[in-house]
Amino acid sequence: MSIDHDLDYDALISHLASPLAPSERAAFRRAAEDAIARVPCRGEGAVYRAVAELQRAYFRPPTEGRAHWDIQQELRPTKLKNEPPIEYPGDARVARYRKPGR
């Protein structure tokens, strides 16, 4: 059984770079490629652990203003708010009864 050495490192780096600030992504990519080159046994798990640890060094949590949800998103007009509610058809349901023993 052979080991696949053609893992897609670029996809992993792109995935882990997506939550980073755009200004930090290029530096993270260079550092991640360097970290992958230093991994002695390039298995999927070893590469992920090396790059994930590196991502934590580049990640900056959102500021107070960026982290809050904007209430204006809730106040915008939508079809659900502007249209009348769907009418309830009353007691128009049909009941089926079975005879006992069947």
PDB file of N, CA and C in Angstrom:
ATOM      1  N   MET A   1       0.848  -1.178   0.000  1.00  0.00           N
ATOM      2  CA  MET A   1       0.000   0.000   0.000  1.00  0.00           C
ATOM      3  C   MET A   1       0.888   1.234   0.000  1.00  0.00           C
ATOM      4  N   SER A   2       0.698   2.097  -0.961  1.00  0.00           N
ATOM      5  CA  SER A   2       1.539   3.275  -1.065  1.00  0.00           C
ATOM      6  C   SER A   2       0.865   4.466  -0.395  1.00  0.00           C
ATOM      7  N   ILE A   3       1.686   5.413  -0.001  1.00  0.00           N
ATOM      8  CA  ILE A   3       1.189   6.632   0.636  1.00  0.00           C
ATOM      9  C   ILE A   3       1.068   7.706  -0.441  1.00  0.00           C
ATOM     10  N   ASP A   4      -0.022   8.382  -0.475  1.00  0.00           N
ATOM     11  CA  ASP A   4      -0.253   9.428  -1.464  1.00  0.00           C
ATOM     12  C   ASP A   4       0.468  10.696  -1.017  1.00  0.00           C
ATOM     13  N   HIS A   5       1.497  11.084  -1.748  1.00  0.00           N
ATOM     14  CA  HIS A   5       2.244  12.298  -1.411  1.00  0.00           C
ATOM     15  C   HIS A   5       1.749  13.501  -2.200  1.00  0.00           C
ATOM     16  N   ASP A   6       0.697  13.326  -2.974  1.00  0.00           N
ATOM     17  CA  ASP A   6       0.158  14.411  -3.787  1.00  0.00           C
ATOM     18  C   ASP A   6      -1.035  15.064  -3.097  1.00  0.00           C
ATOM     19  N   LEU A   7      -0.900  15.341  -1.820  1.00  0.00           N
ATOM     20  CA  LEU A   7      -1.989  15.992  -1.090  1.00  0.00           C
ATOM     21  C   LEU A   7      -2.115  17.431  -1.575  1.00  0.00           C
ATOM     22  N   ASP A   8      -3.316  17.978  -1.532  1.00  0.00           N
ATOM     23  CA  ASP A   8      -3.562  19.334  -2.013  1.00  0.00           C
ATOM     24  C   ASP A   8      -3.316  20.320  -0.876  1.00  0.00           C
ATOM     25  N   TYR A   9      -2.056  20.714  -0.725  1.00  0.00           N
ATOM     26  CA  TYR A   9      -1.694  21.646   0.341  1.00  0.00           C
ATOM     27  C   TYR A   9      -2.258  23.038   0.084  1.00  0.00           C
ATOM     28  N   ASP A  10      -2.364  23.403  -1.184  1.00  0.00           N
ATOM     29  CA  ASP A  10      -2.869  24.730  -1.522  1.00  0.00           C
ATOM     30  C   ASP A  10      -4.315  24.911  -1.059  1.00  0.00           C
ATOM     31  N   ALA A  11      -5.129  23.870  -1.196  1.00  0.00           N
ATOM     32  CA  ALA A  11      -6.522  23.959  -0.748  1.00  0.00           C
ATOM     33  C   ALA A  11      -6.592  24.100   0.768  1.00  0.00           C
ATOM     34  N   LEU A  12      -5.730  23.378   1.476  1.00  0.00           N
ATOM     35  CA  LEU A  12      -5.704  23.488   2.938  1.00  0.00           C
ATOM     36  C   LEU A  12      -5.292  24.888   3.368  1.00  0.00           C
ATOM     37  N   ILE A  13      -4.263  25.429   2.734  1.00  0.00           N
ATOM     38  CA  ILE A  13      -3.800  26.776   3.081  1.00  0.00           C
ATOM     39  C   ILE A  13      -4.889  27.801   2.784  1.00  0.00           C
ATOM     40  N   SER A  14      -5.551  27.674   1.656  1.00  0.00           N
ATOM     41  CA  SER A  14      -6.630  28.612   1.300  1.00  0.00           C
ATOM     42  C   SER A  14      -7.779  28.528   2.295  1.00  0.00           C
ATOM     43  N   HIS A  15      -8.121  27.304   2.705  1.00  0.00           N
ATOM     44  CA  HIS A  15      -9.204  27.114   3.670  1.00  0.00           C
ATOM     45  C   HIS A  15      -8.865  27.769   5.005  1.00  0.00           C
ATOM     46  N   LEU A  16      -7.640  27.591   5.470  1.00  0.00           N
ATOM     47  CA  LEU A  16      -7.262  28.162   6.761  1.00  0.00           C
ATOM     48  C   LEU A  16      -6.976  29.656   6.673  1.00  0.00           C
ATOM     49  N   ALA A  17      -6.724  30.178   5.482  1.00  0.00           N
ATOM     50  CA  ALA A  17      -6.463  31.613   5.321  1.00  0.00           C
ATOM     51  C   ALA A  17      -7.747  32.419   5.203  1.00  0.00           C
ATOM     52  N   SER A  18      -8.876  31.772   4.911  1.00  0.00           N
ATOM     53  CA  SER A  18     -10.110  32.518   4.671  1.00  0.00           C
ATOM     54  C   SER A  18     -10.589  33.341   5.866  1.00  0.00           C
ATOM     55  N   PRO A  19     -10.472  32.899   7.138  1.00  0.00           N
ATOM     56  CA  PRO A  19     -10.936  33.772   8.219  1.00  0.00           C
ATOM     57  C   PRO A  19      -9.948  34.877   8.591  1.00  0.00           C
ATOM     58  N   LEU A  20      -8.771  34.873   7.986  1.00  0.00           N
ATOM     59  CA  LEU A  20      -7.775  35.891   8.307  1.00  0.00           C
ATOM     60  C   LEU A  20      -8.102  37.195   7.596  1.00  0.00           C
ATOM     61  N   ALA A  21      -7.541  38.277   8.117  1.00  0.00           N
ATOM     62  CA  ALA A  21      -7.693  39.575   7.472  1.00  0.00           C
ATOM     63  C   ALA A  21      -6.992  39.523   6.116  1.00  0.00           C
ATOM     64  N   PRO A  22      -7.534  40.193   5.103  1.00  0.00           N
ATOM     65  CA  PRO A  22      -6.909  40.154   3.776  1.00  0.00           C
ATOM     66  C   PRO A  22      -5.442  40.582   3.780  1.00  0.00           C
ATOM     67  N   SER A  23      -5.073  41.499   4.657  1.00  0.00           N
ATOM     68  CA  SER A  23      -3.678  41.937   4.715  1.00  0.00           C
ATOM     69  C   SER A  23      -2.752  40.866   5.290  1.00  0.00           C
ATOM     70  N   GLU A  24      -3.290  39.916   6.033  1.00  0.00           N
ATOM     71  CA  GLU A  24      -2.488  38.867   6.662  1.00  0.00           C
ATOM     72  C   GLU A  24      -2.378  37.599   5.813  1.00  0.00           C
ATOM     73  N   ARG A  25      -3.210  37.457   4.800  1.00  0.00           N
ATOM     74  CA  ARG A  25      -3.278  36.194   4.052  1.00  0.00           C
ATOM     75  C   ARG A  25      -1.995  35.863   3.303  1.00  0.00           C
ATOM     76  N   ALA A  26      -1.365  36.839   2.675  1.00  0.00           N
ATOM     77  CA  ALA A  26      -0.147  36.568   1.907  1.00  0.00           C
ATOM     78  C   ALA A  26       0.985  36.131   2.836  1.00  0.00           C
ATOM     79  N   ALA A  27       1.116  36.814   3.969  1.00  0.00           N
ATOM     80  CA  ALA A  27       2.162  36.442   4.927  1.00  0.00           C
ATOM     81  C   ALA A  27       1.890  35.049   5.500  1.00  0.00           C
ATOM     82  N   PHE A  28       0.630  34.744   5.783  1.00  0.00           N
ATOM     83  CA  PHE A  28       0.279  33.421   6.288  1.00  0.00           C
ATOM     84  C   PHE A  28       0.592  32.349   5.250  1.00  0.00           C
ATOM     85  N   ARG A  29       0.284  32.614   3.989  1.00  0.00           N
ATOM     86  CA  ARG A  29       0.543  31.634   2.927  1.00  0.00           C
ATOM     87  C   ARG A  29       2.038  31.332   2.836  1.00  0.00           C
ATOM     88  N   ARG A  30       2.874  32.369   2.870  1.00  0.00           N
ATOM     89  CA  ARG A  30       4.325  32.140   2.810  1.00  0.00           C
ATOM     90  C   ARG A  30       4.796  31.336   4.016  1.00  0.00           C
ATOM     91  N   ALA A  31       4.305  31.687   5.201  1.00  0.00           N
ATOM     92  CA  ALA A  31       4.710  30.970   6.416  1.00  0.00           C
ATOM     93  C   ALA A  31       4.195  29.530   6.397  1.00  0.00           C
ATOM     94  N   ALA A  32       2.994  29.305   5.878  1.00  0.00           N
ATOM     95  CA  ALA A  32       2.435  27.953   5.823  1.00  0.00           C
ATOM     96  C   ALA A  32       3.215  27.081   4.848  1.00  0.00           C
ATOM     97  N   GLU A  33       3.577  27.638   3.700  1.00  0.00           N
ATOM     98  CA  GLU A  33       4.380  26.869   2.740  1.00  0.00           C
ATOM     99  C   GLU A  33       5.736  26.514   3.329  1.00  0.00           C
ATOM    100  N   ASP A  34       6.322  27.435   4.089  1.00  0.00           N
ATOM    101  CA  ASP A  34       7.595  27.155   4.754  1.00  0.00           C
ATOM    102  C   ASP A  34       7.414  26.081   5.829  1.00  0.00           C
ATOM    103  N   ALA A  35       6.318  26.148   6.575  1.00  0.00           N
ATOM    104  CA  ALA A  35       6.068  25.149   7.628  1.00  0.00           C
ATOM    105  C   ALA A  35       5.840  23.764   7.020  1.00  0.00           C
ATOM    106  N   ILE A  36       5.155  23.700   5.887  1.00  0.00           N
ATOM    107  CA  ILE A  36       4.929  22.411   5.221  1.00  0.00           C
ATOM    108  C   ILE A  36       6.247  21.818   4.742  1.00  0.00           C
ATOM    109  N   ALA A  37       7.136  22.676   4.265  1.00  0.00           N
ATOM    110  CA  ALA A  37       8.441  22.193   3.797  1.00  0.00           C
ATOM    111  C   ALA A  37       9.257  21.609   4.947  1.00  0.00           C
ATOM    112  N   ARG A  38       9.015  22.059   6.167  1.00  0.00           N
ATOM    113  CA  ARG A  38       9.772  21.588   7.330  1.00  0.00           C
ATOM    114  C   ARG A  38       9.177  20.351   7.998  1.00  0.00           C
ATOM    115  N   VAL A  39       7.973  19.945   7.607  1.00  0.00           N
ATOM    116  CA  VAL A  39       7.348  18.764   8.200  1.00  0.00           C
ATOM    117  C   VAL A  39       8.102  17.527   7.691  1.00  0.00           C
ATOM    118  N   PRO A  40       8.666  16.712   8.614  1.00  0.00           N
ATOM    119  CA  PRO A  40       9.468  15.576   8.168  1.00  0.00           C
ATOM    120  C   PRO A  40       8.654  14.478   7.485  1.00  0.00           C
ATOM    121  N   CYS A  41       7.493  14.166   8.004  1.00  0.00           N
ATOM    122  CA  CYS A  41       6.629  13.142   7.426  1.00  0.00           C
ATOM    123  C   CYS A  41       5.359  13.836   6.984  1.00  0.00           C
ATOM    124  N   ARG A  42       5.205  14.058   5.693  1.00  0.00           N
ATOM    125  CA  ARG A  42       4.108  14.882   5.189  1.00  0.00           C
ATOM    126  C   ARG A  42       2.812  14.116   5.044  1.00  0.00           C
ATOM    127  N   GLY A  43       2.291  13.659   6.140  1.00  0.00           N
ATOM    128  CA  GLY A  43       0.963  13.064   6.127  1.00  0.00           C
ATOM    129  C   GLY A  43      -0.083  14.152   6.264  1.00  0.00           C
ATOM    130  N   GLU A  44      -1.309  13.790   5.991  1.00  0.00           N
ATOM    131  CA  GLU A  44      -2.396  14.762   6.044  1.00  0.00           C
ATOM    132  C   GLU A  44      -2.539  15.396   7.430  1.00  0.00           C
ATOM    133  N   GLY A  45      -2.486  14.575   8.465  1.00  0.00           N
ATOM    134  CA  GLY A  45      -2.664  15.082   9.831  1.00  0.00           C
ATOM    135  C   GLY A  45      -1.509  15.941  10.298  1.00  0.00           C
ATOM    136  N   ALA A  46      -0.289  15.534   9.969  1.00  0.00           N
ATOM    137  CA  ALA A  46       0.890  16.304  10.399  1.00  0.00           C
ATOM    138  C   ALA A  46       0.922  17.672   9.735  1.00  0.00           C
ATOM    139  N   VAL A  47       0.576  17.714   8.459  1.00  0.00           N
ATOM    140  CA  VAL A  47       0.551  18.994   7.749  1.00  0.00           C
ATOM    141  C   VAL A  47      -0.548  19.882   8.308  1.00  0.00           C
ATOM    142  N   TYR A  48      -1.707  19.311   8.564  1.00  0.00           N
ATOM    143  CA  TYR A  48      -2.817  20.110   9.103  1.00  0.00           C
ATOM    144  C   TYR A  48      -2.461  20.692  10.470  1.00  0.00           C
ATOM    145  N   ARG A  49      -1.880  19.874  11.327  1.00  0.00           N
ATOM    146  CA  ARG A  49      -1.515  20.371  12.663  1.00  0.00           C
ATOM    147  C   ARG A  49      -0.493  21.498  12.582  1.00  0.00           C
ATOM    148  N   ALA A  50       0.485  21.373  11.691  1.00  0.00           N
ATOM    149  CA  ALA A  50       1.508  22.413  11.556  1.00  0.00           C
ATOM    150  C   ALA A  50       0.905  23.722  11.058  1.00  0.00           C
ATOM    151  N   VAL A  51       0.040  23.636  10.064  1.00  0.00           N
ATOM    152  CA  VAL A  51      -0.531  24.853   9.484  1.00  0.00           C
ATOM    153  C   VAL A  51      -1.608  25.441  10.392  1.00  0.00           C
ATOM    154  N   ALA A  52      -2.374  24.607  11.077  1.00  0.00           N
ATOM    155  CA  ALA A  52      -3.419  25.113  11.978  1.00  0.00           C
ATOM    156  C   ALA A  52      -2.804  25.863  13.154  1.00  0.00           C
ATOM    157  N   GLU A  53      -1.701  25.346  13.681  1.00  0.00           N
ATOM    158  CA  GLU A  53      -1.009  26.064  14.770  1.00  0.00           C
ATOM    159  C   GLU A  53      -0.520  27.419  14.273  1.00  0.00           C
ATOM    160  N   LEU A  54      -0.024  27.440  13.059  1.00  0.00           N
ATOM    161  CA  LEU A  54       0.472  28.687  12.475  1.00  0.00           C
ATOM    162  C   LEU A  54      -0.667  29.682  12.253  1.00  0.00           C
ATOM    163  N   GLN A  55      -1.833  29.179  11.878  1.00  0.00           N
ATOM    164  CA  GLN A  55      -2.968  30.063  11.636  1.00  0.00           C
ATOM    165  C   GLN A  55      -3.364  30.814  12.898  1.00  0.00           C
ATOM    166  N   ARG A  56      -3.256  30.165  14.029  1.00  0.00           N
ATOM    167  CA  ARG A  56      -3.618  30.828  15.302  1.00  0.00           C
ATOM    168  C   ARG A  56      -2.746  32.040  15.569  1.00  0.00           C
ATOM    169  N   ALA A  57      -1.500  32.012  15.102  1.00  0.00           N
ATOM    170  CA  ALA A  57      -0.598  33.153  15.301  1.00  0.00           C
ATOM    171  C   ALA A  57      -1.013  34.343  14.436  1.00  0.00           C
ATOM    172  N   TYR A  58      -1.623  34.084  13.285  1.00  0.00           N
ATOM    173  CA  TYR A  58      -2.013  35.159  12.371  1.00  0.00           C
ATOM    174  C   TYR A  58      -3.452  35.635  12.576  1.00  0.00           C
ATOM    175  N   PHE A  59      -4.253  34.895  13.279  1.00  0.00           N
ATOM    176  CA  PHE A  59      -5.657  35.254  13.446  1.00  0.00           C
ATOM    177  C   PHE A  59      -5.822  36.382  14.451  1.00  0.00           C
ATOM    178  N   ARG A  60      -6.571  37.375  14.076  1.00  0.00           N
ATOM    179  CA  ARG A  60      -6.924  38.477  14.971  1.00  0.00           C
ATOM    180  C   ARG A  60      -8.434  38.476  15.126  1.00  0.00           C
ATOM    181  N   PRO A  61      -8.956  38.353  16.357  1.00  0.00           N
ATOM    182  CA  PRO A  61     -10.414  38.349  16.535  1.00  0.00           C
ATOM    183  C   PRO A  61     -11.017  39.675  16.067  1.00  0.00           C
ATOM    184  N   PRO A  62     -12.271  39.664  15.655  1.00  0.00           N
ATOM    185  CA  PRO A  62     -12.903  40.897  15.185  1.00  0.00           C
ATOM    186  C   PRO A  62     -13.011  41.926  16.296  1.00  0.00           C
ATOM    187  N   THR A  63     -12.957  43.175  15.908  1.00  0.00           N
ATOM    188  CA  THR A  63     -13.093  44.255  16.886  1.00  0.00           C
ATOM    189  C   THR A  63     -14.532  44.319  17.370  1.00  0.00           C
ATOM    190  N   GLU A  64     -14.772  45.092  18.370  1.00  0.00           N
ATOM    191  CA  GLU A  64     -16.111  45.199  18.959  1.00  0.00           C
ATOM    192  C   GLU A  64     -17.137  45.654  17.928  1.00  0.00           C
ATOM    193  N   GLY A  65     -16.794  46.613  17.107  1.00  0.00           N
ATOM    194  CA  GLY A  65     -17.730  47.119  16.106  1.00  0.00           C
ATOM    195  C   GLY A  65     -17.997  46.129  14.997  1.00  0.00           C
ATOM    196  N   ARG A  66     -16.988  45.347  14.606  1.00  0.00           N
ATOM    197  CA  ARG A  66     -17.148  44.378  13.533  1.00  0.00           C
ATOM    198  C   ARG A  66     -17.876  43.126  13.990  1.00  0.00           C
ATOM    199  N   ALA A  67     -17.804  42.832  15.273  1.00  0.00           N
ATOM    200  CA  ALA A  67     -18.390  41.598  15.786  1.00  0.00           C
ATOM    201  C   ALA A  67     -19.894  41.702  16.010  1.00  0.00           C
ATOM    202  N   HIS A  68     -20.409  42.900  16.210  1.00  0.00           N
ATOM    203  CA  HIS A  68     -21.836  43.056  16.512  1.00  0.00           C
ATOM    204  C   HIS A  68     -22.678  42.946  15.250  1.00  0.00           C
ATOM    205  N   TRP A  69     -23.802  42.335  15.405  1.00  0.00           N
ATOM    206  CA  TRP A  69     -24.754  42.195  14.317  1.00  0.00           C
ATOM    207  C   TRP A  69     -25.497  43.505  14.169  1.00  0.00           C
ATOM    208  N   ASP A  70     -25.737  43.914  12.968  1.00  0.00           N
ATOM    209  CA  ASP A  70     -26.382  45.193  12.690  1.00  0.00           C
ATOM    210  C   ASP A  70     -27.900  45.017  12.656  1.00  0.00           C
ATOM    211  N   ILE A  71     -28.605  45.753  13.489  1.00  0.00           N
ATOM    212  CA  ILE A  71     -30.055  45.651  13.570  1.00  0.00           C
ATOM    213  C   ILE A  71     -30.716  46.130  12.280  1.00  0.00           C
ATOM    214  N   GLN A  72     -30.018  46.941  11.494  1.00  0.00           N
ATOM    215  CA  GLN A  72     -30.580  47.429  10.236  1.00  0.00           C
ATOM    216  C   GLN A  72     -30.889  46.290   9.270  1.00  0.00           C
ATOM    217  N   GLN A  73     -30.159  45.182   9.391  1.00  0.00           N
ATOM    218  CA  GLN A  73     -30.440  44.028   8.549  1.00  0.00           C
ATOM    219  C   GLN A  73     -31.833  43.474   8.842  1.00  0.00           C
ATOM    220  N   GLU A  74     -32.256  43.527  10.075  1.00  0.00           N
ATOM    221  CA  GLU A  74     -33.567  43.010  10.463  1.00  0.00           C
ATOM    222  C   GLU A  74     -34.684  43.971  10.076  1.00  0.00           C
ATOM    223  N   LEU A  75     -34.395  45.250   9.981  1.00  0.00           N
ATOM    224  CA  LEU A  75     -35.431  46.246   9.722  1.00  0.00           C
ATOM    225  C   LEU A  75     -35.711  46.452   8.242  1.00  0.00           C
ATOM    226  N   ARG A  76     -34.927  45.883   7.353  1.00  0.00           N
ATOM    227  CA  ARG A  76     -35.159  46.081   5.916  1.00  0.00           C
ATOM    228  C   ARG A  76     -36.460  45.385   5.502  1.00  0.00           C
ATOM    229  N   PRO A  77     -37.145  45.902   4.490  1.00  0.00           N
ATOM    230  CA  PRO A  77     -38.419  45.299   4.077  1.00  0.00           C
ATOM    231  C   PRO A  77     -38.212  43.955   3.375  1.00  0.00           C
ATOM    232  N   THR A  78     -39.095  43.020   3.661  1.00  0.00           N
ATOM    233  CA  THR A  78     -39.062  41.707   3.014  1.00  0.00           C
ATOM    234  C   THR A  78     -40.474  41.315   2.634  1.00  0.00           C
ATOM    235  N   LYS A  79     -40.598  40.286   1.807  1.00  0.00           N
ATOM    236  CA  LYS A  79     -41.923  39.813   1.401  1.00  0.00           C
ATOM    237  C   LYS A  79     -42.700  39.276   2.596  1.00  0.00           C
ATOM    238  N   LEU A  80     -42.036  38.627   3.517  1.00  0.00           N
ATOM    239  CA  LEU A  80     -42.733  38.069   4.676  1.00  0.00           C
ATOM    240  C   LEU A  80     -43.350  39.153   5.541  1.00  0.00           C
ATOM    241  N   LYS A  81     -42.715  40.306   5.590  1.00  0.00           N
ATOM    242  CA  LYS A  81     -43.251  41.390   6.414  1.00  0.00           C
ATOM    243  C   LYS A  81     -44.312  42.194   5.677  1.00  0.00           C
ATOM    244  N   ASN A  82     -44.175  42.335   4.364  1.00  0.00           N
ATOM    245  CA  ASN A  82     -45.058  43.212   3.605  1.00  0.00           C
ATOM    246  C   ASN A  82     -46.334  42.532   3.122  1.00  0.00           C
ATOM    247  N   GLU A  83     -46.319  41.239   2.901  1.00  0.00           N
ATOM    248  CA  GLU A  83     -47.482  40.526   2.387  1.00  0.00           C
ATOM    249  C   GLU A  83     -48.417  40.139   3.534  1.00  0.00           C
ATOM    250  N   PRO A  84     -49.712  39.974   3.239  1.00  0.00           N
ATOM    251  CA  PRO A  84     -50.639  39.553   4.299  1.00  0.00           C
ATOM    252  C   PRO A  84     -50.379  38.088   4.681  1.00  0.00           C
ATOM    253  N   PRO A  85     -50.765  37.700   5.870  1.00  0.00           N
ATOM    254  CA  PRO A  85     -50.546  36.321   6.287  1.00  0.00           C
ATOM    255  C   PRO A  85     -51.426  35.348   5.501  1.00  0.00           C
ATOM    256  N   ILE A  86     -51.017  34.133   5.417  1.00  0.00           N
ATOM    257  CA  ILE A  86     -51.789  33.094   4.743  1.00  0.00           C
ATOM    258  C   ILE A  86     -52.996  32.774   5.614  1.00  0.00           C
ATOM    259  N   GLU A  87     -54.147  32.702   4.990  1.00  0.00           N
ATOM    260  CA  GLU A  87     -55.377  32.451   5.747  1.00  0.00           C
ATOM    261  C   GLU A  87     -55.452  30.994   6.177  1.00  0.00           C
ATOM    262  N   TYR A  88     -55.934  30.776   7.367  1.00  0.00           N
ATOM    263  CA  TYR A  88     -56.160  29.421   7.879  1.00  0.00           C
ATOM    264  C   TYR A  88     -57.475  28.916   7.310  1.00  0.00           C
ATOM    265  N   PRO A  89     -57.496  27.719   6.703  1.00  0.00           N
ATOM    266  CA  PRO A  89     -58.714  27.262   6.036  1.00  0.00           C
ATOM    267  C   PRO A  89     -59.815  26.811   6.990  1.00  0.00           C
ATOM    268  N   GLY A  90     -59.683  27.067   8.235  1.00  0.00           N
ATOM    269  CA  GLY A  90     -60.710  26.649   9.188  1.00  0.00           C
ATOM    270  C   GLY A  90     -60.573  25.172   9.502  1.00  0.00           C
ATOM    271  N   ASP A  91     -61.710  24.520   9.691  1.00  0.00           N
ATOM    272  CA  ASP A  91     -61.679  23.099  10.013  1.00  0.00           C
ATOM    273  C   ASP A  91     -62.024  22.301   8.754  1.00  0.00           C
ATOM    274  N   ALA A  92     -61.289  22.533   7.682  1.00  0.00           N
ATOM    275  CA  ALA A  92     -61.568  21.889   6.404  1.00  0.00           C
ATOM    276  C   ALA A  92     -60.834  20.562   6.255  1.00  0.00           C
ATOM    277  N   ARG A  93     -60.231  20.091   7.308  1.00  0.00           N
ATOM    278  CA  ARG A  93     -59.507  18.823   7.200  1.00  0.00           C
ATOM    279  C   ARG A  93     -60.487  17.652   7.148  1.00  0.00           C
ATOM    280  N   VAL A  94     -60.090  16.614   6.509  1.00  0.00           N
ATOM    281  CA  VAL A  94     -60.925  15.431   6.341  1.00  0.00           C
ATOM    282  C   VAL A  94     -60.425  14.369   7.294  1.00  0.00           C
ATOM    283  N   ALA A  95     -61.357  13.808   8.037  1.00  0.00           N
ATOM    284  CA  ALA A  95     -60.984  12.753   8.982  1.00  0.00           C
ATOM    285  C   ALA A  95     -61.438  11.415   8.431  1.00  0.00           C
ATOM    286  N   ARG A  96     -60.569  10.434   8.489  1.00  0.00           N
ATOM    287  CA  ARG A  96     -60.922   9.078   8.068  1.00  0.00           C
ATOM    288  C   ARG A  96     -60.891   8.193   9.292  1.00  0.00           C
ATOM    289  N   TYR A  97     -61.929   7.438   9.424  1.00  0.00           N
ATOM    290  CA  TYR A  97     -62.014   6.531  10.555  1.00  0.00           C
ATOM    291  C   TYR A  97     -62.002   5.105  10.041  1.00  0.00           C
ATOM    292  N   ARG A  98     -61.297   4.248  10.744  1.00  0.00           N
ATOM    293  CA  ARG A  98     -61.311   2.828  10.396  1.00  0.00           C
ATOM    294  C   ARG A  98     -62.241   2.093  11.338  1.00  0.00           C
ATOM    295  N   LYS A  99     -62.844   1.099  10.805  1.00  0.00           N
ATOM    296  CA  LYS A  99     -63.691   0.258  11.666  1.00  0.00           C
ATOM    297  C   LYS A  99     -62.784  -0.603  12.519  1.00  0.00           C
ATOM    298  N   PRO A 100     -63.175  -0.833  13.746  1.00  0.00           N
ATOM    299  CA  PRO A 100     -62.353  -1.685  14.618  1.00  0.00           C
ATOM    300  C   PRO A 100     -62.222  -3.092  14.028  1.00  0.00           C
ATOM    301  N   GLY A 101     -61.062  -3.678  14.167  1.00  0.00           N
ATOM    302  CA  GLY A 101     -60.824  -5.039  13.693  1.00  0.00           C
ATOM    303  C   GLY A 101     -60.196  -5.089  12.330  1.00  0.00           C
ATOM    304  N   ARG A 102     -59.978  -3.994  11.680  1.00  0.00           N
ATOM    305  CA  ARG A 102     -59.342  -4.024  10.360  1.00  0.00           C
ATOM    306  C   ARG A 102     -57.955  -3.495  10.407  1.00  0.00           C
TER     307      ARG A 102
END
